[in-house]
Amino acid sequence: MVDCIIRNWDGEEVGQTTLELKVAKEENASHIVHRALVRQQAAARQGTASTKTRSEVRGGGRKPWRQKGTGRARAGSIRSPLWRGGGVIFGPKPRDYSVKMNRKERRLALRTAFQSRVDDIVVVEEFVTQLPRPKTKDLTAALERWGVSSSAKVLLVLPEKQENVYLSGRNVEKMRICLADSLNVYDVLAADKIVTTANALAKIQEVYGD
């Protein structure tokens, strides 16, 4: 169990909340998080790279010259992989790169990754009343007050969809916005700072805390 300080819109400390998630054992933690990360990145691959073998390249059905007597090296097709314009040997073909990982393992990896970033988590009261209309300038100023550098990669975690917050943050460089029930390992690990609300933190523990 870890205590997190709650800050208000002005950056002042106004309370505390706890983060308690069941995580992997220390000796297995890095391995299981790495597997989950590799699985996510592999699943994002399109897998549409394709090349043609010598049998698929157009032409090359006729033997270019007779087998013997010309003094040249023997050749059976102008689409041989040795020739310019020929087929490709062992080139890529469309394939599925996805990696299987059990659901319980995936959830354990996500909990472990999130808990490992506890020192980089900034918990604030809420956004809705402070952003009555979309205003990117107000949101970036608030981030500065919370100690988040303008050059930092930020993951903003919300308890539910909040249109004004989304519209205020979608144009901020290096910011990703996601919901508490849609976290993923890559975003959690890639961010320099994770900004969330007390409600979102409670929802994370409710959704993933098994």
N, C-alpha and C. Protein backbone atom coordinates (compact mmCIF):
# COMPACT_ATOMS: atom_id res chain seq x y z
N MET A 1 0.84 -1.20 0.00
CA MET A 1 0.00 0.00 0.00
C MET A 1 0.88 1.25 0.00
N VAL A 2 0.53 2.20 -0.88
CA VAL A 2 1.33 3.41 -1.03
C VAL A 2 0.42 4.63 -0.84
N ASP A 3 0.90 5.64 -0.12
CA ASP A 3 0.14 6.87 0.06
C ASP A 3 0.48 7.86 -1.04
N CYS A 4 -0.57 8.48 -1.60
CA CYS A 4 -0.38 9.49 -2.65
C CYS A 4 -0.98 10.80 -2.19
N ILE A 5 -0.27 11.89 -2.41
CA ILE A 5 -0.75 13.22 -2.03
C ILE A 5 -1.73 13.73 -3.08
N ILE A 6 -2.85 14.28 -2.61
CA ILE A 6 -3.84 14.88 -3.51
C ILE A 6 -3.61 16.39 -3.55
N ARG A 7 -3.54 16.94 -4.75
CA ARG A 7 -3.36 18.38 -4.91
C ARG A 7 -4.61 18.99 -5.52
N ASN A 8 -4.84 20.27 -5.19
CA ASN A 8 -5.97 20.96 -5.81
C ASN A 8 -5.50 21.63 -7.11
N TRP A 9 -6.40 22.39 -7.72
CA TRP A 9 -6.10 23.01 -9.02
C TRP A 9 -4.91 23.98 -8.94
N ASP A 10 -4.70 24.55 -7.75
CA ASP A 10 -3.60 25.51 -7.57
C ASP A 10 -2.28 24.84 -7.18
N GLY A 11 -2.29 23.51 -7.06
CA GLY A 11 -1.06 22.80 -6.73
C GLY A 11 -0.82 22.62 -5.25
N GLU A 12 -1.79 23.01 -4.40
CA GLU A 12 -1.62 22.88 -2.95
C GLU A 12 -2.05 21.49 -2.49
N GLU A 13 -1.38 20.98 -1.46
CA GLU A 13 -1.75 19.68 -0.90
C GLU A 13 -3.05 19.81 -0.10
N VAL A 14 -4.01 18.95 -0.43
CA VAL A 14 -5.31 19.04 0.26
C VAL A 14 -5.73 17.72 0.90
N GLY A 15 -4.90 16.69 0.77
CA GLY A 15 -5.27 15.42 1.37
C GLY A 15 -4.38 14.29 0.87
N GLN A 16 -4.79 13.06 1.23
CA GLN A 16 -4.06 11.87 0.83
C GLN A 16 -5.01 10.78 0.40
N THR A 17 -4.51 9.92 -0.46
CA THR A 17 -5.26 8.73 -0.84
C THR A 17 -4.27 7.59 -0.92
N THR A 18 -4.77 6.36 -0.95
CA THR A 18 -3.88 5.21 -0.98
C THR A 18 -4.02 4.46 -2.30
N LEU A 19 -2.92 3.86 -2.71
CA LEU A 19 -2.91 3.01 -3.89
C LEU A 19 -2.46 1.62 -3.45
N GLU A 20 -3.36 0.67 -3.59
CA GLU A 20 -3.04 -0.69 -3.17
C GLU A 20 -3.45 -1.66 -4.27
N LEU A 21 -2.46 -2.20 -4.97
CA LEU A 21 -2.71 -3.15 -6.05
C LEU A 21 -1.88 -4.40 -5.83
N LYS A 22 -2.45 -5.53 -6.17
CA LYS A 22 -1.73 -6.80 -6.06
C LYS A 22 -0.74 -6.89 -7.22
N VAL A 23 0.56 -6.93 -6.90
CA VAL A 23 1.59 -6.90 -7.95
C VAL A 23 2.37 -8.22 -7.97
N ALA A 24 3.16 -8.39 -9.03
CA ALA A 24 3.96 -9.61 -9.18
C ALA A 24 5.11 -9.62 -8.17
N LYS A 25 5.63 -10.80 -7.91
CA LYS A 25 6.80 -10.91 -7.02
C LYS A 25 7.99 -10.20 -7.66
N GLU A 26 8.86 -9.70 -6.82
CA GLU A 26 9.98 -8.88 -7.31
C GLU A 26 10.84 -9.61 -8.34
N GLU A 27 11.05 -10.93 -8.12
CA GLU A 27 11.92 -11.67 -9.03
C GLU A 27 11.25 -11.91 -10.40
N ASN A 28 9.91 -11.82 -10.45
CA ASN A 28 9.19 -12.07 -11.71
C ASN A 28 8.66 -10.80 -12.36
N ALA A 29 8.69 -9.69 -11.63
CA ALA A 29 7.99 -8.48 -12.07
C ALA A 29 8.47 -7.98 -13.43
N SER A 30 9.78 -7.81 -13.59
CA SER A 30 10.29 -7.25 -14.84
C SER A 30 9.99 -8.18 -16.01
N HIS A 31 10.03 -9.49 -15.77
CA HIS A 31 9.79 -10.46 -16.84
C HIS A 31 8.34 -10.39 -17.33
N ILE A 32 7.39 -10.37 -16.39
CA ILE A 32 5.99 -10.40 -16.80
C ILE A 32 5.56 -9.07 -17.44
N VAL A 33 6.13 -7.95 -16.95
CA VAL A 33 5.82 -6.65 -17.56
C VAL A 33 6.42 -6.59 -18.97
N HIS A 34 7.62 -7.13 -19.14
CA HIS A 34 8.24 -7.15 -20.47
C HIS A 34 7.42 -7.98 -21.44
N ARG A 35 6.93 -9.12 -21.00
CA ARG A 35 6.10 -9.97 -21.88
C ARG A 35 4.84 -9.24 -22.31
N ALA A 36 4.21 -8.54 -21.37
CA ALA A 36 3.00 -7.79 -21.70
C ALA A 36 3.29 -6.67 -22.68
N LEU A 37 4.44 -6.01 -22.51
CA LEU A 37 4.82 -4.92 -23.41
C LEU A 37 5.10 -5.45 -24.82
N VAL A 38 5.83 -6.55 -24.91
CA VAL A 38 6.11 -7.16 -26.22
C VAL A 38 4.82 -7.59 -26.89
N ARG A 39 3.90 -8.17 -26.10
CA ARG A 39 2.61 -8.60 -26.66
C ARG A 39 1.83 -7.42 -27.23
N GLN A 40 1.79 -6.31 -26.51
CA GLN A 40 1.05 -5.14 -26.98
C GLN A 40 1.65 -4.57 -28.26
N GLN A 41 2.98 -4.45 -28.29
CA GLN A 41 3.63 -3.89 -29.47
C GLN A 41 3.52 -4.83 -30.68
N ALA A 42 3.57 -6.13 -30.41
CA ALA A 42 3.43 -7.09 -31.51
C ALA A 42 2.02 -7.05 -32.09
N ALA A 43 1.02 -6.90 -31.21
CA ALA A 43 -0.37 -6.86 -31.67
C ALA A 43 -0.67 -5.62 -32.50
N ALA A 44 0.15 -4.57 -32.30
CA ALA A 44 -0.06 -3.32 -33.05
C ALA A 44 0.50 -3.40 -34.47
N ARG A 45 1.28 -4.43 -34.76
CA ARG A 45 1.87 -4.56 -36.09
C ARG A 45 0.81 -4.98 -37.10
N GLN A 46 0.85 -4.39 -38.29
CA GLN A 46 -0.13 -4.74 -39.32
C GLN A 46 0.14 -6.12 -39.90
N GLY A 47 1.40 -6.45 -40.06
CA GLY A 47 1.74 -7.76 -40.61
C GLY A 47 1.38 -7.89 -42.08
N THR A 48 1.44 -6.78 -42.83
CA THR A 48 1.04 -6.82 -44.24
C THR A 48 2.23 -6.79 -45.20
N ALA A 49 3.48 -6.78 -44.67
CA ALA A 49 4.66 -6.76 -45.54
C ALA A 49 4.65 -8.01 -46.42
N SER A 50 4.92 -7.84 -47.71
CA SER A 50 4.85 -8.98 -48.62
C SER A 50 5.83 -8.81 -49.76
N THR A 51 6.49 -9.90 -50.15
CA THR A 51 7.35 -9.91 -51.33
C THR A 51 6.94 -11.08 -52.22
N LYS A 52 7.42 -11.08 -53.46
CA LYS A 52 7.08 -12.15 -54.40
C LYS A 52 8.25 -13.11 -54.55
N THR A 53 7.93 -14.38 -54.54
CA THR A 53 8.93 -15.40 -54.82
C THR A 53 9.11 -15.51 -56.33
N ARG A 54 10.05 -16.33 -56.76
CA ARG A 54 10.32 -16.44 -58.20
C ARG A 54 9.11 -16.98 -58.96
N SER A 55 8.26 -17.75 -58.29
CA SER A 55 7.08 -18.31 -58.97
C SER A 55 5.96 -17.27 -59.09
N GLU A 56 6.02 -16.19 -58.29
CA GLU A 56 4.96 -15.18 -58.30
C GLU A 56 5.28 -13.97 -59.17
N VAL A 57 6.57 -13.77 -59.47
CA VAL A 57 6.94 -12.63 -60.31
C VAL A 57 6.48 -12.89 -61.74
N ARG A 58 5.94 -11.85 -62.38
CA ARG A 58 5.44 -12.02 -63.74
C ARG A 58 6.60 -12.31 -64.71
N GLY A 59 6.38 -13.26 -65.63
CA GLY A 59 7.38 -13.59 -66.64
C GLY A 59 8.33 -14.68 -66.17
N GLY A 60 9.34 -14.94 -66.98
CA GLY A 60 10.36 -15.90 -66.58
C GLY A 60 10.02 -17.34 -66.90
N GLY A 61 8.99 -17.56 -67.70
CA GLY A 61 8.59 -18.94 -68.00
C GLY A 61 9.49 -19.62 -69.02
N ARG A 62 10.16 -18.84 -69.85
CA ARG A 62 11.02 -19.42 -70.90
C ARG A 62 12.47 -19.43 -70.44
N LYS A 63 13.15 -20.48 -70.79
CA LYS A 63 14.59 -20.57 -70.51
C LYS A 63 15.30 -19.52 -71.37
N PRO A 64 16.11 -18.61 -70.77
CA PRO A 64 16.66 -17.50 -71.55
C PRO A 64 17.64 -17.93 -72.64
N TRP A 65 18.41 -18.96 -72.43
CA TRP A 65 19.25 -19.53 -73.48
C TRP A 65 19.48 -21.00 -73.18
N ARG A 66 19.99 -21.70 -74.20
CA ARG A 66 20.13 -23.14 -74.07
C ARG A 66 21.11 -23.49 -72.95
N GLN A 67 20.99 -24.73 -72.52
CA GLN A 67 21.75 -25.17 -71.35
C GLN A 67 23.27 -25.14 -71.60
N LYS A 68 23.68 -25.63 -72.78
CA LYS A 68 25.12 -25.79 -73.02
C LYS A 68 25.53 -25.11 -74.33
N GLY A 69 26.78 -24.78 -74.42
CA GLY A 69 27.33 -24.35 -75.69
C GLY A 69 27.44 -22.85 -75.88
N THR A 70 26.92 -22.04 -74.95
CA THR A 70 26.99 -20.59 -75.14
C THR A 70 28.19 -19.98 -74.42
N GLY A 71 28.76 -20.71 -73.47
CA GLY A 71 29.85 -20.18 -72.66
C GLY A 71 29.36 -19.38 -71.46
N ARG A 72 28.07 -19.15 -71.38
CA ARG A 72 27.51 -18.42 -70.24
C ARG A 72 27.07 -19.38 -69.16
N ALA A 73 26.89 -18.84 -67.96
CA ALA A 73 26.40 -19.68 -66.86
C ALA A 73 24.99 -20.15 -67.19
N ARG A 74 24.69 -21.38 -66.81
CA ARG A 74 23.36 -21.93 -67.11
C ARG A 74 22.28 -21.14 -66.37
N ALA A 75 21.15 -20.97 -67.00
CA ALA A 75 20.03 -20.21 -66.42
C ALA A 75 18.73 -20.82 -66.89
N GLY A 76 17.78 -20.91 -65.98
CA GLY A 76 16.49 -21.50 -66.33
C GLY A 76 15.37 -20.49 -66.38
N SER A 77 15.58 -19.28 -65.78
CA SER A 77 14.51 -18.27 -65.75
C SER A 77 15.12 -16.90 -65.52
N ILE A 78 14.54 -15.90 -66.13
CA ILE A 78 15.01 -14.53 -65.88
C ILE A 78 14.47 -13.98 -64.56
N ARG A 79 13.65 -14.78 -63.88
CA ARG A 79 13.11 -14.35 -62.58
C ARG A 79 13.78 -15.09 -61.42
N SER A 80 14.95 -15.63 -61.69
CA SER A 80 15.73 -16.25 -60.62
C SER A 80 16.08 -15.20 -59.57
N PRO A 81 16.12 -15.57 -58.29
CA PRO A 81 16.49 -14.59 -57.24
C PRO A 81 17.88 -13.99 -57.44
N LEU A 82 18.71 -14.63 -58.27
CA LEU A 82 20.04 -14.09 -58.52
C LEU A 82 20.02 -12.94 -59.52
N TRP A 83 18.91 -12.80 -60.21
CA TRP A 83 18.82 -11.79 -61.27
C TRP A 83 18.12 -10.52 -60.76
N ARG A 84 18.52 -9.39 -61.38
CA ARG A 84 17.78 -8.15 -61.13
C ARG A 84 16.35 -8.32 -61.66
N GLY A 85 15.38 -7.95 -60.83
CA GLY A 85 13.98 -8.13 -61.22
C GLY A 85 13.46 -9.52 -60.93
N GLY A 86 14.30 -10.34 -60.29
CA GLY A 86 13.85 -11.69 -59.96
C GLY A 86 13.08 -11.73 -58.64
N GLY A 87 12.74 -12.94 -58.23
CA GLY A 87 12.00 -13.11 -56.98
C GLY A 87 12.88 -12.86 -55.76
N VAL A 88 12.26 -12.87 -54.60
CA VAL A 88 12.96 -12.64 -53.33
C VAL A 88 13.01 -13.96 -52.56
N ILE A 89 14.22 -14.28 -52.05
CA ILE A 89 14.38 -15.52 -51.28
C ILE A 89 14.01 -15.26 -49.82
N PHE A 90 13.12 -16.03 -49.27
CA PHE A 90 12.75 -15.95 -47.85
C PHE A 90 12.32 -14.54 -47.44
N GLY A 91 11.65 -13.82 -48.34
CA GLY A 91 11.17 -12.49 -48.01
C GLY A 91 9.95 -12.54 -47.11
N PRO A 92 9.52 -11.39 -46.58
CA PRO A 92 8.35 -11.39 -45.69
C PRO A 92 7.06 -11.69 -46.43
N LYS A 93 6.15 -12.35 -45.74
CA LYS A 93 4.81 -12.62 -46.24
C LYS A 93 3.81 -12.16 -45.17
N PRO A 94 2.59 -11.82 -45.55
CA PRO A 94 1.60 -11.41 -44.54
C PRO A 94 1.48 -12.46 -43.44
N ARG A 95 1.53 -11.98 -42.19
CA ARG A 95 1.45 -12.91 -41.06
C ARG A 95 0.87 -12.20 -39.85
N ASP A 96 0.48 -12.99 -38.88
CA ASP A 96 -0.09 -12.48 -37.63
C ASP A 96 1.02 -12.48 -36.58
N TYR A 97 1.35 -11.30 -36.06
CA TYR A 97 2.43 -11.19 -35.09
C TYR A 97 1.95 -11.32 -33.64
N SER A 98 0.66 -11.47 -33.43
CA SER A 98 0.12 -11.44 -32.07
C SER A 98 0.71 -12.58 -31.22
N VAL A 99 0.88 -12.26 -29.93
CA VAL A 99 1.46 -13.20 -28.97
C VAL A 99 0.40 -13.50 -27.91
N LYS A 100 0.25 -14.76 -27.57
CA LYS A 100 -0.76 -15.12 -26.57
C LYS A 100 -0.23 -14.86 -25.15
N MET A 101 -1.11 -14.31 -24.34
CA MET A 101 -0.78 -14.11 -22.92
C MET A 101 -2.08 -14.20 -22.14
N ASN A 102 -2.08 -14.98 -21.08
CA ASN A 102 -3.31 -15.19 -20.32
C ASN A 102 -3.83 -13.89 -19.72
N ARG A 103 -5.15 -13.80 -19.60
CA ARG A 103 -5.80 -12.58 -19.11
C ARG A 103 -5.30 -12.22 -17.71
N LYS A 104 -5.18 -13.19 -16.84
CA LYS A 104 -4.72 -12.92 -15.47
C LYS A 104 -3.28 -12.38 -15.47
N GLU A 105 -2.47 -12.91 -16.37
CA GLU A 105 -1.09 -12.42 -16.48
C GLU A 105 -1.07 -10.98 -16.99
N ARG A 106 -1.92 -10.68 -17.96
CA ARG A 106 -1.97 -9.32 -18.51
C ARG A 106 -2.38 -8.31 -17.44
N ARG A 107 -3.37 -8.67 -16.66
CA ARG A 107 -3.85 -7.76 -15.61
C ARG A 107 -2.79 -7.60 -14.51
N LEU A 108 -2.11 -8.69 -14.20
CA LEU A 108 -1.04 -8.62 -13.19
C LEU A 108 0.09 -7.72 -13.69
N ALA A 109 0.43 -7.84 -14.96
CA ALA A 109 1.49 -7.01 -15.54
C ALA A 109 1.12 -5.53 -15.50
N LEU A 110 -0.15 -5.23 -15.81
CA LEU A 110 -0.60 -3.84 -15.80
C LEU A 110 -0.57 -3.26 -14.39
N ARG A 111 -1.04 -4.04 -13.41
CA ARG A 111 -1.00 -3.58 -12.01
C ARG A 111 0.43 -3.35 -11.56
N THR A 112 1.32 -4.26 -11.92
CA THR A 112 2.73 -4.15 -11.53
C THR A 112 3.36 -2.91 -12.15
N ALA A 113 3.08 -2.69 -13.43
CA ALA A 113 3.64 -1.52 -14.12
C ALA A 113 3.14 -0.23 -13.50
N PHE A 114 1.84 -0.17 -13.21
CA PHE A 114 1.25 1.06 -12.65
C PHE A 114 1.80 1.34 -11.26
N GLN A 115 1.88 0.30 -10.44
CA GLN A 115 2.38 0.49 -9.08
C GLN A 115 3.85 0.90 -9.09
N SER A 116 4.61 0.44 -10.09
CA SER A 116 6.03 0.78 -10.16
C SER A 116 6.26 2.26 -10.48
N ARG A 117 5.23 2.93 -11.02
CA ARG A 117 5.35 4.34 -11.37
C ARG A 117 4.81 5.26 -10.29
N VAL A 118 4.65 4.75 -9.09
CA VAL A 118 3.98 5.51 -8.03
C VAL A 118 4.68 6.83 -7.74
N ASP A 119 6.00 6.89 -7.89
CA ASP A 119 6.73 8.14 -7.62
C ASP A 119 6.46 9.20 -8.68
N ASP A 120 5.95 8.78 -9.83
CA ASP A 120 5.69 9.72 -10.93
C ASP A 120 4.21 10.02 -11.11
N ILE A 121 3.39 9.54 -10.17
CA ILE A 121 1.95 9.77 -10.26
C ILE A 121 1.58 11.07 -9.54
N VAL A 122 0.84 11.92 -10.22
CA VAL A 122 0.34 13.17 -9.64
C VAL A 122 -1.17 13.04 -9.52
N VAL A 123 -1.68 13.10 -8.28
CA VAL A 123 -3.12 12.95 -8.05
C VAL A 123 -3.72 14.32 -7.76
N VAL A 124 -4.76 14.68 -8.50
CA VAL A 124 -5.44 15.97 -8.29
C VAL A 124 -6.89 15.71 -7.92
N GLU A 125 -7.52 16.76 -7.41
CA GLU A 125 -8.91 16.60 -6.96
C GLU A 125 -9.84 16.24 -8.11
N GLU A 126 -10.00 17.16 -9.05
CA GLU A 126 -10.84 16.90 -10.23
C GLU A 126 -10.67 18.03 -11.22
N PHE A 127 -11.16 17.80 -12.44
CA PHE A 127 -10.98 18.75 -13.53
C PHE A 127 -12.26 19.48 -13.91
N VAL A 128 -13.38 18.82 -13.73
CA VAL A 128 -14.64 19.27 -14.36
C VAL A 128 -14.99 20.70 -13.99
N THR A 129 -14.98 21.01 -12.68
CA THR A 129 -15.39 22.36 -12.28
C THR A 129 -14.35 23.41 -12.64
N GLN A 130 -13.08 22.98 -12.79
CA GLN A 130 -12.01 23.93 -13.09
C GLN A 130 -11.89 24.23 -14.58
N LEU A 131 -12.50 23.39 -15.40
CA LEU A 131 -12.48 23.61 -16.86
C LEU A 131 -13.92 23.66 -17.37
N PRO A 132 -14.63 24.75 -17.08
CA PRO A 132 -16.02 24.84 -17.55
C PRO A 132 -16.13 24.90 -19.07
N ARG A 133 -15.02 25.28 -19.72
CA ARG A 133 -14.97 25.29 -21.19
C ARG A 133 -13.58 24.84 -21.61
N PRO A 134 -13.42 24.31 -22.82
CA PRO A 134 -12.11 23.86 -23.27
C PRO A 134 -11.10 25.00 -23.31
N LYS A 135 -9.97 24.83 -22.63
CA LYS A 135 -8.94 25.87 -22.60
C LYS A 135 -7.58 25.20 -22.38
N THR A 136 -6.84 25.02 -23.45
CA THR A 136 -5.54 24.36 -23.37
C THR A 136 -4.58 25.12 -22.46
N LYS A 137 -4.62 26.44 -22.54
CA LYS A 137 -3.72 27.27 -21.74
C LYS A 137 -3.92 27.02 -20.25
N ASP A 138 -5.17 26.88 -19.80
CA ASP A 138 -5.45 26.63 -18.39
C ASP A 138 -4.91 25.27 -17.94
N LEU A 139 -5.06 24.28 -18.81
CA LEU A 139 -4.60 22.93 -18.46
C LEU A 139 -3.07 22.87 -18.38
N THR A 140 -2.38 23.49 -19.32
CA THR A 140 -0.91 23.47 -19.29
C THR A 140 -0.37 24.26 -18.10
N ALA A 141 -1.06 25.34 -17.73
CA ALA A 141 -0.65 26.12 -16.55
C ALA A 141 -0.82 25.28 -15.28
N ALA A 142 -1.91 24.52 -15.22
CA ALA A 142 -2.14 23.66 -14.06
C ALA A 142 -1.07 22.58 -13.96
N LEU A 143 -0.68 22.02 -15.10
CA LEU A 143 0.37 20.99 -15.10
C LEU A 143 1.67 21.56 -14.52
N GLU A 144 1.99 22.79 -14.89
CA GLU A 144 3.19 23.43 -14.35
C GLU A 144 3.10 23.57 -12.83
N ARG A 145 1.90 23.94 -12.34
CA ARG A 145 1.71 24.10 -10.89
C ARG A 145 1.83 22.76 -10.16
N TRP A 146 1.51 21.68 -10.84
CA TRP A 146 1.60 20.34 -10.23
C TRP A 146 3.00 19.75 -10.34
N GLY A 147 3.94 20.53 -10.90
CA GLY A 147 5.31 20.06 -11.00
C GLY A 147 5.59 19.21 -12.21
N VAL A 148 4.74 19.31 -13.23
CA VAL A 148 4.93 18.54 -14.46
C VAL A 148 5.59 19.45 -15.49
N SER A 149 6.76 19.09 -15.94
CA SER A 149 7.50 19.91 -16.91
C SER A 149 6.77 19.95 -18.25
N SER A 150 6.90 21.06 -18.95
CA SER A 150 6.25 21.21 -20.25
C SER A 150 6.85 20.27 -21.29
N SER A 151 8.08 19.78 -21.04
CA SER A 151 8.74 18.87 -21.99
C SER A 151 8.49 17.41 -21.65
N ALA A 152 7.80 17.15 -20.54
CA ALA A 152 7.58 15.77 -20.10
C ALA A 152 6.46 15.11 -20.89
N LYS A 153 6.60 13.79 -21.08
CA LYS A 153 5.52 13.01 -21.67
C LYS A 153 4.51 12.70 -20.56
N VAL A 154 3.26 13.09 -20.79
CA VAL A 154 2.25 13.00 -19.73
C VAL A 154 1.14 12.03 -20.14
N LEU A 155 0.76 11.17 -19.21
CA LEU A 155 -0.42 10.32 -19.38
C LEU A 155 -1.50 10.85 -18.45
N LEU A 156 -2.59 11.33 -19.02
CA LEU A 156 -3.69 11.89 -18.24
C LEU A 156 -4.79 10.83 -18.13
N VAL A 157 -5.05 10.36 -16.91
CA VAL A 157 -6.01 9.28 -16.69
C VAL A 157 -7.27 9.87 -16.05
N LEU A 158 -8.40 9.69 -16.73
CA LEU A 158 -9.68 10.23 -16.25
C LEU A 158 -10.61 9.10 -15.82
N PRO A 159 -11.50 9.37 -14.85
CA PRO A 159 -12.43 8.32 -14.40
C PRO A 159 -13.50 8.00 -15.45
N GLU A 160 -13.94 9.03 -16.18
CA GLU A 160 -14.88 8.83 -17.29
C GLU A 160 -14.62 9.92 -18.33
N LYS A 161 -15.26 9.80 -19.46
CA LYS A 161 -14.99 10.77 -20.53
C LYS A 161 -15.46 12.16 -20.10
N GLN A 162 -14.54 13.13 -20.16
CA GLN A 162 -14.83 14.52 -19.81
C GLN A 162 -14.45 15.37 -21.01
N GLU A 163 -15.45 15.82 -21.73
CA GLU A 163 -15.24 16.45 -23.03
C GLU A 163 -14.34 17.68 -22.95
N ASN A 164 -14.56 18.54 -21.96
CA ASN A 164 -13.75 19.75 -21.86
C ASN A 164 -12.28 19.46 -21.57
N VAL A 165 -12.04 18.42 -20.75
CA VAL A 165 -10.65 18.04 -20.46
C VAL A 165 -10.00 17.46 -21.72
N TYR A 166 -10.76 16.63 -22.43
CA TYR A 166 -10.22 16.03 -23.66
C TYR A 166 -9.89 17.10 -24.70
N LEU A 167 -10.81 18.04 -24.90
CA LEU A 167 -10.59 19.10 -25.89
C LEU A 167 -9.44 20.02 -25.46
N SER A 168 -9.26 20.19 -24.16
CA SER A 168 -8.18 21.05 -23.66
C SER A 168 -6.81 20.39 -23.83
N GLY A 169 -6.78 19.06 -23.73
CA GLY A 169 -5.50 18.37 -23.72
C GLY A 169 -5.10 17.70 -25.01
N ARG A 170 -6.03 17.60 -25.98
CA ARG A 170 -5.70 16.81 -27.18
C ARG A 170 -4.62 17.47 -28.03
N ASN A 171 -4.42 18.79 -27.89
CA ASN A 171 -3.44 19.49 -28.70
C ASN A 171 -2.13 19.75 -27.95
N VAL A 172 -2.04 19.21 -26.72
CA VAL A 172 -0.81 19.38 -25.95
C VAL A 172 0.20 18.35 -26.43
N GLU A 173 1.39 18.83 -26.78
CA GLU A 173 2.43 17.93 -27.26
C GLU A 173 2.82 16.94 -26.17
N LYS A 174 3.02 15.71 -26.55
CA LYS A 174 3.48 14.63 -25.65
C LYS A 174 2.47 14.31 -24.55
N MET A 175 1.19 14.55 -24.80
CA MET A 175 0.17 14.15 -23.82
C MET A 175 -0.76 13.10 -24.42
N ARG A 176 -1.01 12.06 -23.64
CA ARG A 176 -2.00 11.06 -24.03
C ARG A 176 -3.09 11.06 -22.96
N ILE A 177 -4.33 10.93 -23.41
CA ILE A 177 -5.47 10.93 -22.51
C ILE A 177 -6.17 9.58 -22.62
N CYS A 178 -6.40 8.93 -21.47
CA CYS A 178 -7.12 7.65 -21.50
C CYS A 178 -8.02 7.55 -20.27
N LEU A 179 -8.92 6.59 -20.31
CA LEU A 179 -9.84 6.36 -19.20
C LEU A 179 -9.23 5.36 -18.23
N ALA A 180 -9.69 5.41 -16.99
CA ALA A 180 -9.14 4.55 -15.94
C ALA A 180 -9.33 3.07 -16.24
N ASP A 181 -10.41 2.73 -16.96
CA ASP A 181 -10.66 1.32 -17.26
C ASP A 181 -10.07 0.90 -18.61
N SER A 182 -9.24 1.77 -19.21
CA SER A 182 -8.64 1.45 -20.52
C SER A 182 -7.12 1.63 -20.49
N LEU A 183 -6.52 1.41 -19.35
CA LEU A 183 -5.07 1.56 -19.26
C LEU A 183 -4.35 0.48 -20.07
N ASN A 184 -3.13 0.79 -20.50
CA ASN A 184 -2.31 -0.23 -21.13
C ASN A 184 -0.86 -0.07 -20.67
N VAL A 185 -0.12 -1.15 -20.76
CA VAL A 185 1.24 -1.20 -20.21
C VAL A 185 2.16 -0.19 -20.90
N TYR A 186 2.07 -0.08 -22.23
CA TYR A 186 2.98 0.80 -22.96
C TYR A 186 2.84 2.25 -22.50
N ASP A 187 1.60 2.76 -22.45
CA ASP A 187 1.39 4.16 -22.06
C ASP A 187 1.85 4.42 -20.63
N VAL A 188 1.61 3.45 -19.74
CA VAL A 188 2.01 3.61 -18.33
C VAL A 188 3.53 3.71 -18.21
N LEU A 189 4.25 2.89 -18.99
CA LEU A 189 5.71 2.87 -18.90
C LEU A 189 6.36 4.01 -19.68
N ALA A 190 5.72 4.44 -20.77
CA ALA A 190 6.34 5.44 -21.64
C ALA A 190 6.24 6.85 -21.07
N ALA A 191 5.25 7.10 -20.22
CA ALA A 191 5.03 8.46 -19.70
C ALA A 191 6.09 8.83 -18.67
N ASP A 192 6.47 10.11 -18.69
CA ASP A 192 7.36 10.63 -17.64
C ASP A 192 6.56 10.91 -16.37
N LYS A 193 5.33 11.40 -16.55
CA LYS A 193 4.44 11.68 -15.43
C LYS A 193 3.05 11.14 -15.73
N ILE A 194 2.39 10.61 -14.71
CA ILE A 194 1.01 10.15 -14.84
C ILE A 194 0.14 11.05 -13.97
N VAL A 195 -0.75 11.79 -14.61
CA VAL A 195 -1.64 12.71 -13.90
C VAL A 195 -3.02 12.08 -13.86
N THR A 196 -3.58 11.96 -12.67
CA THR A 196 -4.90 11.33 -12.53
C THR A 196 -5.66 12.02 -11.41
N THR A 197 -6.91 11.67 -11.27
CA THR A 197 -7.73 12.23 -10.19
C THR A 197 -7.94 11.17 -9.11
N ALA A 198 -8.41 11.62 -7.96
CA ALA A 198 -8.66 10.68 -6.86
C ALA A 198 -9.73 9.67 -7.27
N ASN A 199 -10.75 10.13 -8.00
CA ASN A 199 -11.81 9.22 -8.46
C ASN A 199 -11.28 8.20 -9.45
N ALA A 200 -10.38 8.65 -10.35
CA ALA A 200 -9.81 7.73 -11.34
C ALA A 200 -8.93 6.69 -10.65
N LEU A 201 -8.19 7.12 -9.63
CA LEU A 201 -7.34 6.18 -8.89
C LEU A 201 -8.19 5.12 -8.19
N ALA A 202 -9.32 5.56 -7.64
CA ALA A 202 -10.23 4.60 -6.99
C ALA A 202 -10.81 3.64 -8.02
N LYS A 203 -11.12 4.15 -9.21
CA LYS A 203 -11.68 3.28 -10.26
C LYS A 203 -10.65 2.28 -10.75
N ILE A 204 -9.38 2.71 -10.86
CA ILE A 204 -8.31 1.80 -11.26
C ILE A 204 -8.22 0.63 -10.29
N GLN A 205 -8.30 0.93 -8.98
CA GLN A 205 -8.23 -0.12 -7.98
C GLN A 205 -9.46 -1.00 -8.02
N GLU A 206 -10.60 -0.42 -8.39
CA GLU A 206 -11.84 -1.20 -8.48
C GLU A 206 -11.79 -2.13 -9.69
N VAL A 207 -11.31 -1.64 -10.82
CA VAL A 207 -11.32 -2.42 -12.06
C VAL A 207 -10.21 -3.46 -12.08
N TYR A 208 -9.02 -3.08 -11.63
CA TYR A 208 -7.86 -3.97 -11.75
C TYR A 208 -7.42 -4.62 -10.44
N GLY A 209 -8.02 -4.21 -9.35
CA GLY A 209 -7.52 -4.68 -8.05
C GLY A 209 -8.05 -6.02 -7.62
N ASP A 210 -7.74 -7.09 -8.39
CA ASP A 210 -8.16 -8.42 -7.96
C ASP A 210 -6.95 -9.28 -7.65
